[in-house]
Amino acid sequence: MPSHLPGSYRSGVTSTDTPPTCYAIRVAGHLDAGWAVWFDGMHITTESGGTTLLRGDLADQAALHGILNRLRDSGLPLLSVNIDHSRSTS
């Protein structure tokens, strides 16, 4: 393993070692609830001002990057990504 990677990558820590984390991801534009399947069951809330909030538990960073890649592919501008500490299990 390259030495510039965080210790968890070098020590063999896997996604099963930590509980899921709840993320709140905000995008510009509106998605209806039908998109939840495409975004791994994340709860979708349309907000005033033309934004959508996706919220849900993700197993690890790979799952987060999967959601972010799908958002990129959808063409919706990403506004924010935050850990939802009010619901996080970590």
Protein backbone atom coordinates (compact mmCIF):
# COMPACT_ATOMS: atom_id res chain seq x y z
CA MET A 1 0.00 0.00 0.00
CA PRO A 2 1.23 3.51 -0.74
CA SER A 3 2.38 5.39 2.35
CA HIS A 4 0.21 8.45 1.54
CA LEU A 5 -3.02 6.54 2.25
CA PRO A 6 -4.69 6.88 5.65
CA GLY A 7 -3.79 4.22 8.19
CA SER A 8 -7.19 2.52 7.90
CA TYR A 9 -6.41 1.61 4.29
CA ARG A 10 -3.01 0.24 5.18
CA SER A 11 -4.20 -1.71 8.23
CA GLY A 12 -6.93 -3.65 6.43
CA VAL A 13 -9.92 -1.99 8.12
CA THR A 14 -13.08 -2.90 6.23
CA SER A 15 -16.51 -1.33 6.02
CA THR A 16 -17.91 -4.00 8.35
CA ASP A 17 -15.78 -2.62 11.21
CA THR A 18 -17.87 0.53 11.64
CA PRO A 19 -21.61 1.22 11.82
CA PRO A 20 -23.38 3.11 9.03
CA THR A 21 -23.30 6.90 9.02
CA CYS A 22 -26.33 9.06 8.24
CA TYR A 23 -25.64 11.60 5.49
CA ALA A 24 -27.64 14.64 4.38
CA ILE A 25 -26.91 15.52 0.75
CA ARG A 26 -28.44 18.63 -0.82
CA VAL A 27 -28.70 19.20 -4.57
CA ALA A 28 -30.11 21.96 -6.75
CA GLY A 29 -33.31 20.93 -8.50
CA HIS A 30 -36.16 18.66 -7.52
CA LEU A 31 -36.26 14.86 -7.46
CA ASP A 32 -39.46 13.01 -6.70
CA ALA A 33 -39.61 10.05 -4.31
CA GLY A 34 -39.40 7.64 -7.26
CA TRP A 35 -35.67 8.31 -7.43
CA ALA A 36 -35.13 6.72 -3.99
CA VAL A 37 -34.48 3.31 -5.56
CA TRP A 38 -31.70 4.75 -7.74
CA PHE A 39 -30.16 6.36 -4.66
CA ASP A 40 -30.10 3.18 -2.56
CA GLY A 41 -33.30 3.93 -0.65
CA MET A 42 -32.24 7.33 0.67
CA HIS A 43 -35.17 9.44 1.85
CA ILE A 44 -35.85 12.24 -0.65
CA THR A 45 -37.38 15.56 0.43
CA THR A 46 -38.06 18.40 -2.00
CA GLU A 47 -37.47 21.77 -0.38
CA SER A 48 -38.58 25.28 -1.11
CA GLY A 49 -36.12 27.25 -3.15
CA GLY A 50 -35.67 24.51 -5.72
CA THR A 51 -33.49 22.09 -3.75
CA THR A 52 -33.74 18.42 -2.81
CA LEU A 53 -32.41 16.77 0.35
CA LEU A 54 -31.35 13.14 0.26
CA ARG A 55 -30.90 11.65 3.73
CA GLY A 56 -30.04 8.16 4.82
CA ASP A 57 -27.57 5.71 6.31
CA LEU A 58 -24.61 4.69 4.17
CA ALA A 59 -22.37 1.77 5.10
CA ASP A 60 -19.05 3.39 4.24
CA GLN A 61 -17.18 5.88 2.07
CA ALA A 62 -17.55 3.63 -0.97
CA ALA A 63 -21.35 3.81 -0.62
CA LEU A 64 -21.15 7.60 -0.27
CA HIS A 65 -19.04 7.86 -3.41
CA GLY A 66 -21.55 5.65 -5.23
CA ILE A 67 -24.35 8.09 -4.37
CA LEU A 68 -22.19 11.07 -5.35
CA ASN A 69 -21.37 9.41 -8.68
CA ARG A 70 -25.08 8.87 -9.38
CA LEU A 71 -25.78 12.50 -8.55
CA ARG A 72 -23.02 13.55 -10.92
CA ASP A 73 -24.52 11.33 -13.62
CA SER A 74 -27.98 12.85 -13.05
CA GLY A 75 -26.61 16.32 -13.83
CA LEU A 76 -28.00 17.87 -10.64
CA PRO A 77 -25.57 20.35 -9.08
CA LEU A 78 -24.28 19.20 -5.69
CA LEU A 79 -24.78 21.87 -3.00
CA SER A 80 -23.65 20.14 0.20
CA VAL A 81 -22.73 16.84 1.83
CA ASN A 82 -22.93 16.61 5.62
CA ILE A 83 -23.03 13.96 8.29
CA ASP A 84 -26.44 14.13 9.98
CA HIS A 85 -25.32 13.90 13.62
CA SER A 86 -28.92 13.94 14.83
CA ARG A 87 -29.49 10.55 13.22
CA SER A 88 -26.00 9.12 12.80
CA THR A 89 -25.36 5.73 14.36
CA SER A 90 -21.61 6.29 14.47
